[in-house]
């Protein structure tokens, strides 16, 4: 499905910062950035990815921080306080 079709169905660009324990050195944390279109607030695509991670990869998850923003949104308009002219 195209990105526009996903956005029209309510999907928004979602970014997750995943901290996980390095398999060879469990006391060391490493960061992985994941970005995909997903539905807010249930995040089914992210949950599917995290389920895959926890069952198939060696790095144990430490924490996940999520940010989402709809790309199709009303425009923000602000009144300008002055007028400028260029010669």
PDB file of N, CA and C in Angstrom:
ATOM      1  N   UNK A   1       0.844  -1.169   0.000  1.00  0.00           N
ATOM      2  CA  UNK A   1       0.000   0.000   0.000  1.00  0.00           C
ATOM      3  C   UNK A   1       0.897   1.243   0.000  1.00  0.00           C
ATOM      4  N   UNK A   2       0.500   2.268  -0.725  1.00  0.00           N
ATOM      5  CA  UNK A   2       1.315   3.475  -0.805  1.00  0.00           C
ATOM      6  C   UNK A   2       1.261   4.268   0.499  1.00  0.00           C
ATOM      7  N   UNK A   3       2.248   5.130   0.674  1.00  0.00           N
ATOM      8  CA  UNK A   3       2.307   5.951   1.889  1.00  0.00           C
ATOM      9  C   UNK A   3       1.093   6.859   1.999  1.00  0.00           C
ATOM     10  N   UNK A   4       0.653   7.438   0.890  1.00  0.00           N
ATOM     11  CA  UNK A   4      -0.515   8.316   0.918  1.00  0.00           C
ATOM     12  C   UNK A   4      -1.763   7.545   1.335  1.00  0.00           C
ATOM     13  N   UNK A   5      -1.931   6.338   0.801  1.00  0.00           N
ATOM     14  CA  UNK A   5      -3.091   5.524   1.181  1.00  0.00           C
ATOM     15  C   UNK A   5      -3.067   5.190   2.671  1.00  0.00           C
ATOM     16  N   UNK A   6      -1.879   4.902   3.209  1.00  0.00           N
ATOM     17  CA  UNK A   6      -1.761   4.628   4.648  1.00  0.00           C
ATOM     18  C   UNK A   6      -2.126   5.859   5.466  1.00  0.00           C
ATOM     19  N   UNK A   7      -1.649   7.036   5.052  1.00  0.00           N
ATOM     20  CA  UNK A   7      -1.950   8.268   5.785  1.00  0.00           C
ATOM     21  C   UNK A   7      -3.445   8.564   5.773  1.00  0.00           C
ATOM     22  N   UNK A   8      -4.106   8.293   4.641  1.00  0.00           N
ATOM     23  CA  UNK A   8      -5.539   8.536   4.551  1.00  0.00           C
ATOM     24  C   UNK A   8      -6.336   7.558   5.418  1.00  0.00           C
ATOM     25  N   UNK A   9      -5.747   6.433   5.749  1.00  0.00           N
ATOM     26  CA  UNK A   9      -6.400   5.455   6.630  1.00  0.00           C
ATOM     27  C   UNK A   9      -6.083   5.689   8.104  1.00  0.00           C
ATOM     28  N   UNK A  10      -5.358   6.770   8.413  1.00  0.00           N
ATOM     29  CA  UNK A  10      -5.097   7.107   9.809  1.00  0.00           C
ATOM     30  C   UNK A  10      -3.709   6.751  10.304  1.00  0.00           C
ATOM     31  N   UNK A  11      -2.885   6.180   9.453  1.00  0.00           N
ATOM     32  CA  UNK A  11      -1.523   5.846   9.857  1.00  0.00           C
ATOM     33  C   UNK A  11      -0.688   7.119   9.934  1.00  0.00           C
ATOM     34  N   UNK A  12       0.272   7.129  10.831  1.00  0.00           N
ATOM     35  CA  UNK A  12       1.182   8.270  10.934  1.00  0.00           C
ATOM     36  C   UNK A  12       2.606   7.744  11.041  1.00  0.00           C
ATOM     37  N   UNK A  13       3.552   8.596  10.712  1.00  0.00           N
ATOM     38  CA  UNK A  13       4.955   8.214  10.784  1.00  0.00           C
ATOM     39  C   UNK A  13       5.328   8.043  12.249  1.00  0.00           C
ATOM     40  N   UNK A  14       5.823   6.873  12.593  1.00  0.00           N
ATOM     41  CA  UNK A  14       6.165   6.542  13.969  1.00  0.00           C
ATOM     42  C   UNK A  14       7.643   6.220  14.055  1.00  0.00           C
ATOM     43  N   UNK A  15       8.301   6.791  15.037  1.00  0.00           N
ATOM     44  CA  UNK A  15       9.717   6.538  15.282  1.00  0.00           C
ATOM     45  C   UNK A  15       9.863   5.962  16.680  1.00  0.00           C
ATOM     46  N   UNK A  16      10.633   4.893  16.796  1.00  0.00           N
ATOM     47  CA  UNK A  16      10.877   4.269  18.092  1.00  0.00           C
ATOM     48  C   UNK A  16      12.380   4.185  18.330  1.00  0.00           C
ATOM     49  N   UNK A  17      12.796   4.635  19.504  1.00  0.00           N
ATOM     50  CA  UNK A  17      14.181   4.476  19.934  1.00  0.00           C
ATOM     51  C   UNK A  17      14.201   3.267  20.865  1.00  0.00           C
ATOM     52  N   UNK A  18      14.875   2.213  20.430  1.00  0.00           N
ATOM     53  CA  UNK A  18      14.897   0.957  21.170  1.00  0.00           C
ATOM     54  C   UNK A  18      16.265   0.795  21.816  1.00  0.00           C
ATOM     55  N   UNK A  19      16.278   0.681  23.133  1.00  0.00           N
ATOM     56  CA  UNK A  19      17.509   0.386  23.865  1.00  0.00           C
ATOM     57  C   UNK A  19      17.507  -1.100  24.181  1.00  0.00           C
ATOM     58  N   UNK A  20      18.634  -1.763  23.877  1.00  0.00           N
ATOM     59  CA  UNK A  20      18.716  -3.193  24.142  1.00  0.00           C
ATOM     60  C   UNK A  20      20.096  -3.542  24.679  1.00  0.00           C
ATOM     61  N   UNK A  21      20.160  -4.667  25.369  1.00  0.00           N
ATOM     62  CA  UNK A  21      21.413  -5.156  25.930  1.00  0.00           C
ATOM     63  C   UNK A  21      22.205  -5.870  24.830  1.00  0.00           C
ATOM     64  N   UNK A  22      23.479  -5.527  24.683  1.00  0.00           N
ATOM     65  CA  UNK A  22      24.339  -6.185  23.705  1.00  0.00           C
ATOM     66  C   UNK A  22      24.509  -7.647  24.149  1.00  0.00           C
ATOM     67  N   UNK A  23      24.262  -8.608  23.264  1.00  0.00           N
ATOM     68  CA  UNK A  23      24.295 -10.017  23.671  1.00  0.00           C
ATOM     69  C   UNK A  23      25.622 -10.468  24.308  1.00  0.00           C
ATOM     70  N   UNK A  24      26.761 -10.029  23.782  1.00  0.00           N
ATOM     71  CA  UNK A  24      28.055 -10.466  24.308  1.00  0.00           C
ATOM     72  C   UNK A  24      28.439  -9.741  25.592  1.00  0.00           C
ATOM     73  N   UNK A  25      27.870  -8.563  25.820  1.00  0.00           N
ATOM     74  CA  UNK A  25      28.169  -7.742  27.005  1.00  0.00           C
ATOM     75  C   UNK A  25      26.848  -7.233  27.577  1.00  0.00           C
ATOM     76  N   UNK A  26      26.166  -8.016  28.405  1.00  0.00           N
ATOM     77  CA  UNK A  26      24.815  -7.664  28.865  1.00  0.00           C
ATOM     78  C   UNK A  26      24.718  -6.360  29.651  1.00  0.00           C
ATOM     79  N   UNK A  27      25.840  -5.871  30.184  1.00  0.00           N
ATOM     80  CA  UNK A  27      25.793  -4.611  30.933  1.00  0.00           C
ATOM     81  C   UNK A  27      25.855  -3.387  30.020  1.00  0.00           C
ATOM     82  N   UNK A  28      26.077  -3.596  28.725  1.00  0.00           N
ATOM     83  CA  UNK A  28      26.204  -2.499  27.761  1.00  0.00           C
ATOM     84  C   UNK A  28      24.891  -2.364  26.995  1.00  0.00           C
ATOM     85  N   UNK A  29      24.397  -1.128  26.897  1.00  0.00           N
ATOM     86  CA  UNK A  29      23.181  -0.848  26.132  1.00  0.00           C
ATOM     87  C   UNK A  29      23.543  -0.256  24.780  1.00  0.00           C
ATOM     88  N   UNK A  30      22.763  -0.601  23.775  1.00  0.00           N
ATOM     89  CA  UNK A  30      22.941  -0.052  22.435  1.00  0.00           C
ATOM     90  C   UNK A  30      21.590   0.446  21.936  1.00  0.00           C
ATOM     91  N   UNK A  31      21.621   1.421  21.039  1.00  0.00           N
ATOM     92  CA  UNK A  31      20.404   2.037  20.517  1.00  0.00           C
ATOM     93  C   UNK A  31      20.117   1.548  19.105  1.00  0.00           C
ATOM     94  N   UNK A  32      18.840   1.310  18.834  1.00  0.00           N
ATOM     95  CA  UNK A  32      18.369   0.983  17.496  1.00  0.00           C
ATOM     96  C   UNK A  32      17.196   1.912  17.205  1.00  0.00           C
ATOM     97  N   UNK A  33      17.207   2.580  16.047  1.00  0.00           N
ATOM     98  CA  UNK A  33      16.113   3.477  15.657  1.00  0.00           C
ATOM     99  C   UNK A  33      15.254   2.765  14.617  1.00  0.00           C
ATOM    100  N   UNK A  34      13.950   2.696  14.890  1.00  0.00           N
ATOM    101  CA  UNK A  34      12.982   2.053  14.005  1.00  0.00           C
ATOM    102  C   UNK A  34      11.991   3.110  13.547  1.00  0.00           C
ATOM    103  N   UNK A  35      11.652   3.123  12.252  1.00  0.00           N
ATOM    104  CA  UNK A  35      10.708   4.113  11.742  1.00  0.00           C
ATOM    105  C   UNK A  35       9.817   3.458  10.697  1.00  0.00           C
ATOM    106  N   UNK A  36       8.508   3.637  10.864  1.00  0.00           N
ATOM    107  CA  UNK A  36       7.536   3.019   9.971  1.00  0.00           C
ATOM    108  C   UNK A  36       6.200   3.739  10.144  1.00  0.00           C
ATOM    109  N   UNK A  37       5.278   3.541   9.216  1.00  0.00           N
ATOM    110  CA  UNK A  37       3.920   4.064   9.373  1.00  0.00           C
ATOM    111  C   UNK A  37       3.146   3.115  10.278  1.00  0.00           C
ATOM    112  N   UNK A  38       2.429   3.674  11.262  1.00  0.00           N
ATOM    113  CA  UNK A  38       1.721   2.853  12.242  1.00  0.00           C
ATOM    114  C   UNK A  38       0.483   3.596  12.741  1.00  0.00           C
ATOM    115  N   UNK A  39      -0.429   2.868  13.367  1.00  0.00           N
ATOM    116  CA  UNK A  39      -1.658   3.448  13.916  1.00  0.00           C
ATOM    117  C   UNK A  39      -1.456   3.832  15.374  1.00  0.00           C
ATOM    118  N   UNK A  40      -1.752   5.091  15.680  1.00  0.00           N
ATOM    119  CA  UNK A  40      -1.647   5.590  17.053  1.00  0.00           C
ATOM    120  C   UNK A  40      -3.008   5.389  17.709  1.00  0.00           C
ATOM    121  N   UNK A  41      -3.164   4.977  18.930  1.00  0.00           N
ATOM    122  CA  UNK A  41      -2.180   4.745  19.982  1.00  0.00           C
ATOM    123  C   UNK A  41      -1.835   3.271  20.206  1.00  0.00           C
ATOM    124  N   UNK A  42      -2.415   2.355  19.410  1.00  0.00           N
ATOM    125  CA  UNK A  42      -2.169   0.927  19.672  1.00  0.00           C
ATOM    126  C   UNK A  42      -0.870   0.413  19.073  1.00  0.00           C
ATOM    127  N   UNK A  43      -0.350   1.046  18.031  1.00  0.00           N
ATOM    128  CA  UNK A  43       0.915   0.707  17.390  1.00  0.00           C
ATOM    129  C   UNK A  43       1.021  -0.785  17.034  1.00  0.00           C
ATOM    130  N   UNK A  44       0.129  -1.309  16.194  1.00  0.00           N
ATOM    131  CA  UNK A  44       0.192  -2.740  15.867  1.00  0.00           C
ATOM    132  C   UNK A  44       1.459  -3.138  15.102  1.00  0.00           C
ATOM    133  N   UNK A  45       1.965  -2.282  14.228  1.00  0.00           N
ATOM    134  CA  UNK A  45       3.169  -2.602  13.459  1.00  0.00           C
ATOM    135  C   UNK A  45       4.383  -2.648  14.384  1.00  0.00           C
ATOM    136  N   UNK A  46       4.510  -1.670  15.276  1.00  0.00           N
ATOM    137  CA  UNK A  46       5.615  -1.651  16.231  1.00  0.00           C
ATOM    138  C   UNK A  46       5.533  -2.851  17.175  1.00  0.00           C
ATOM    139  N   UNK A  47       4.343  -3.165  17.665  1.00  0.00           N
ATOM    140  CA  UNK A  47       4.192  -4.319  18.556  1.00  0.00           C
ATOM    141  C   UNK A  47       4.574  -5.623  17.864  1.00  0.00           C
ATOM    142  N   UNK A  48       4.234  -5.750  16.596  1.00  0.00           N
ATOM    143  CA  UNK A  48       4.627  -6.940  15.828  1.00  0.00           C
ATOM    144  C   UNK A  48       6.148  -7.017  15.713  1.00  0.00           C
ATOM    145  N   UNK A  49       6.799  -5.880  15.450  1.00  0.00           N
ATOM    146  CA  UNK A  49       8.256  -5.848  15.349  1.00  0.00           C
ATOM    147  C   UNK A  49       8.901  -6.205  16.691  1.00  0.00           C
ATOM    148  N   UNK A  50       8.391  -5.634  17.792  1.00  0.00           N
ATOM    149  CA  UNK A  50       8.961  -5.918  19.110  1.00  0.00           C
ATOM    150  C   UNK A  50       8.743  -7.383  19.505  1.00  0.00           C
ATOM    151  N   UNK A  51       7.612  -7.951  19.123  1.00  0.00           N
ATOM    152  CA  UNK A  51       7.372  -9.370  19.376  1.00  0.00           C
ATOM    153  C   UNK A  51       8.392 -10.214  18.613  1.00  0.00           C
ATOM    154  N   UNK A  52       8.615  -9.875  17.330  1.00  0.00           N
ATOM    155  CA  UNK A  52       9.626 -10.578  16.534  1.00  0.00           C
ATOM    156  C   UNK A  52      10.999 -10.457  17.200  1.00  0.00           C
ATOM    157  N   UNK A  53      11.350  -9.234  17.641  1.00  0.00           N
ATOM    158  CA  UNK A  53      12.648  -8.996  18.275  1.00  0.00           C
ATOM    159  C   UNK A  53      12.814  -9.889  19.502  1.00  0.00           C
ATOM    160  N   UNK A  54      11.850  -9.880  20.391  1.00  0.00           N
ATOM    161  CA  UNK A  54      11.987 -10.603  21.652  1.00  0.00           C
ATOM    162  C   UNK A  54      12.027 -12.123  21.468  1.00  0.00           C
ATOM    163  N   UNK A  55      11.456 -12.630  20.371  1.00  0.00           N
ATOM    164  CA  UNK A  55      11.444 -14.075  20.155  1.00  0.00           C
ATOM    165  C   UNK A  55      12.543 -14.581  19.222  1.00  0.00           C
ATOM    166  N   UNK A  56      13.154 -13.700  18.425  1.00  0.00           N
ATOM    167  CA  UNK A  56      14.122 -14.168  17.420  1.00  0.00           C
ATOM    168  C   UNK A  56      15.520 -13.570  17.529  1.00  0.00           C
ATOM    169  N   UNK A  57      15.690 -12.488  18.262  1.00  0.00           N
ATOM    170  CA  UNK A  57      17.006 -11.853  18.357  1.00  0.00           C
ATOM    171  C   UNK A  57      17.573 -12.049  19.755  1.00  0.00           C
ATOM    172  N   UNK A  58      18.903 -12.014  19.854  1.00  0.00           N
ATOM    173  CA  UNK A  58      19.575 -12.277  21.130  1.00  0.00           C
ATOM    174  C   UNK A  58      19.580 -11.080  22.067  1.00  0.00           C
ATOM    175  N   UNK A  59      19.566  -9.857  21.549  1.00  0.00           N
ATOM    176  CA  UNK A  59      19.645  -8.671  22.397  1.00  0.00           C
ATOM    177  C   UNK A  59      18.361  -8.467  23.186  1.00  0.00           C
ATOM    178  N   UNK A  60      18.427  -8.585  24.526  1.00  0.00           N
ATOM    179  CA  UNK A  60      17.253  -8.414  25.386  1.00  0.00           C
ATOM    180  C   UNK A  60      16.844  -6.937  25.405  1.00  0.00           C
ATOM    181  N   UNK A  61      15.555  -6.673  25.234  1.00  0.00           N
ATOM    182  CA  UNK A  61      15.059  -5.298  25.217  1.00  0.00           C
ATOM    183  C   UNK A  61      15.181  -4.662  26.598  1.00  0.00           C
ATOM    184  N   UNK A  62      15.605  -3.396  26.617  1.00  0.00           N
ATOM    185  CA  UNK A  62      15.680  -2.633  27.858  1.00  0.00           C
ATOM    186  C   UNK A  62      14.514  -1.651  27.945  1.00  0.00           C
ATOM    187  N   UNK A  63      14.360  -0.815  26.912  1.00  0.00           N
ATOM    188  CA  UNK A  63      13.276   0.166  26.896  1.00  0.00           C
ATOM    189  C   UNK A  63      12.999   0.607  25.469  1.00  0.00           C
ATOM    190  N   UNK A  64      11.795   1.151  25.277  1.00  0.00           N
ATOM    191  CA  UNK A  64      11.373   1.658  23.972  1.00  0.00           C
ATOM    192  C   UNK A  64      10.730   3.010  24.187  1.00  0.00           C
ATOM    193  N   UNK A  65      11.190   4.009  23.429  1.00  0.00           N
ATOM    194  CA  UNK A  65      10.609   5.357  23.479  1.00  0.00           C
ATOM    195  C   UNK A  65      10.009   5.635  22.103  1.00  0.00           C
ATOM    196  N   UNK A  66       8.731   6.046  22.080  1.00  0.00           N
ATOM    197  CA  UNK A  66       7.988   6.183  20.830  1.00  0.00           C
ATOM    198  C   UNK A  66       7.553   7.623  20.618  1.00  0.00           C
ATOM    199  N   UNK A  67       7.663   8.078  19.366  1.00  0.00           N
ATOM    200  CA  UNK A  67       7.150   9.389  18.959  1.00  0.00           C
ATOM    201  C   UNK A  67       6.384   9.195  17.652  1.00  0.00           C
ATOM    202  N   UNK A  68       5.218   9.823  17.554  1.00  0.00           N
ATOM    203  CA  UNK A  68       4.408   9.704  16.344  1.00  0.00           C
ATOM    204  C   UNK A  68       3.865  11.063  15.964  1.00  0.00           C
ATOM    205  N   UNK A  69       3.764  11.298  14.677  1.00  0.00           N
ATOM    206  CA  UNK A  69       3.262  12.576  14.167  1.00  0.00           C
ATOM    207  C   UNK A  69       2.504  12.314  12.883  1.00  0.00           C
ATOM    208  N   UNK A  70       1.282  12.792  12.820  1.00  0.00           N
ATOM    209  CA  UNK A  70       0.503  12.688  11.594  1.00  0.00           C
ATOM    210  C   UNK A  70       1.060  13.623  10.536  1.00  0.00           C
ATOM    211  N   UNK A  71       1.236  13.116   9.347  1.00  0.00           N
ATOM    212  CA  UNK A  71       1.779  13.945   8.278  1.00  0.00           C
ATOM    213  C   UNK A  71       0.706  14.774   7.601  1.00  0.00           C
ATOM    214  N   UNK A  72      -0.521  14.295   7.632  1.00  0.00           N
ATOM    215  CA  UNK A  72      -1.631  15.077   7.098  1.00  0.00           C
ATOM    216  C   UNK A  72      -2.315  15.727   8.288  1.00  0.00           C
ATOM    217  N   UNK A  73      -2.153  17.021   8.413  1.00  0.00           N
ATOM    218  CA  UNK A  73      -2.709  17.751   9.553  1.00  0.00           C
ATOM    219  C   UNK A  73      -3.115  19.136   9.082  1.00  0.00           C
ATOM    220  N   UNK A  74      -3.985  19.803   9.831  1.00  0.00           N
ATOM    221  CA  UNK A  74      -4.343  21.163   9.451  1.00  0.00           C
ATOM    222  C   UNK A  74      -3.112  22.072   9.469  1.00  0.00           C
ATOM    223  N   UNK A  75      -3.081  22.994   8.548  1.00  0.00           N
ATOM    224  CA  UNK A  75      -1.954  23.929   8.492  1.00  0.00           C
ATOM    225  C   UNK A  75      -1.995  24.880   9.682  1.00  0.00           C
ATOM    226  N   UNK A  76      -0.822  25.259  10.140  1.00  0.00           N
ATOM    227  CA  UNK A  76      -0.731  26.234  11.221  1.00  0.00           C
ATOM    228  C   UNK A  76      -0.503  27.612  10.606  1.00  0.00           C
ATOM    229  N   UNK A  77      -1.411  28.523  10.884  1.00  0.00           N
ATOM    230  CA  UNK A  77      -1.299  29.874  10.360  1.00  0.00           C
ATOM    231  C   UNK A  77      -1.047  30.834  11.514  1.00  0.00           C
ATOM    232  N   UNK A  78      -0.152  31.770  11.297  1.00  0.00           N
ATOM    233  CA  UNK A  78       0.142  32.775  12.313  1.00  0.00           C
ATOM    234  C   UNK A  78       0.074  34.153  11.671  1.00  0.00           C
ATOM    235  N   UNK A  79      -0.443  35.105  12.411  1.00  0.00           N
ATOM    236  CA  UNK A  79      -0.536  36.467  11.930  1.00  0.00           C
ATOM    237  C   UNK A  79       0.838  37.136  12.040  1.00  0.00           C
ATOM    238  N   UNK A  80       1.274  37.730  10.955  1.00  0.00           N
ATOM    239  CA  UNK A  80       2.560  38.428  10.959  1.00  0.00           C
ATOM    240  C   UNK A  80       2.377  39.802  11.642  1.00  0.00           C
ATOM    241  N   UNK A  81       3.355  40.163  12.444  1.00  0.00           N
ATOM    242  CA  UNK A  81       3.257  41.426  13.189  1.00  0.00           C
ATOM    243  C   UNK A  81       3.751  42.615  12.397  1.00  0.00           C
ATOM    244  N   UNK A  82       4.333  42.407  11.251  1.00  0.00           N
ATOM    245  CA  UNK A  82       4.880  43.531  10.492  1.00  0.00           C
ATOM    246  C   UNK A  82       4.839  43.276   9.008  1.00  0.00           C
ATOM    247  N   UNK A  83       5.205  44.286   8.259  1.00  0.00           N
ATOM    248  CA  UNK A  83       5.251  44.166   6.812  1.00  0.00           C
ATOM    249  C   UNK A  83       6.636  44.570   6.361  1.00  0.00           C
ATOM    250  N   UNK A  84       7.209  43.767   5.502  1.00  0.00           N
ATOM    251  CA  UNK A  84       8.568  44.020   5.022  1.00  0.00           C
ATOM    252  C   UNK A  84       8.553  44.112   3.514  1.00  0.00           C
ATOM    253  N   UNK A  85       9.337  45.023   2.986  1.00  0.00           N
ATOM    254  CA  UNK A  85       9.450  45.121   1.528  1.00  0.00           C
ATOM    255  C   UNK A  85      10.911  44.971   1.126  1.00  0.00           C
ATOM    256  N   UNK A  86      11.112  44.316   0.014  1.00  0.00           N
ATOM    257  CA  UNK A  86      12.460  44.119  -0.517  1.00  0.00           C
ATOM    258  C   UNK A  86      12.607  44.948  -1.771  1.00  0.00           C
ATOM    259  N   UNK A  87      13.715  45.629  -1.907  1.00  0.00           N
ATOM    260  CA  UNK A  87      13.961  46.431  -3.105  1.00  0.00           C
ATOM    261  C   UNK A  87      14.660  45.639  -4.163  1.00  0.00           C
TER     262      UNK A  87
END
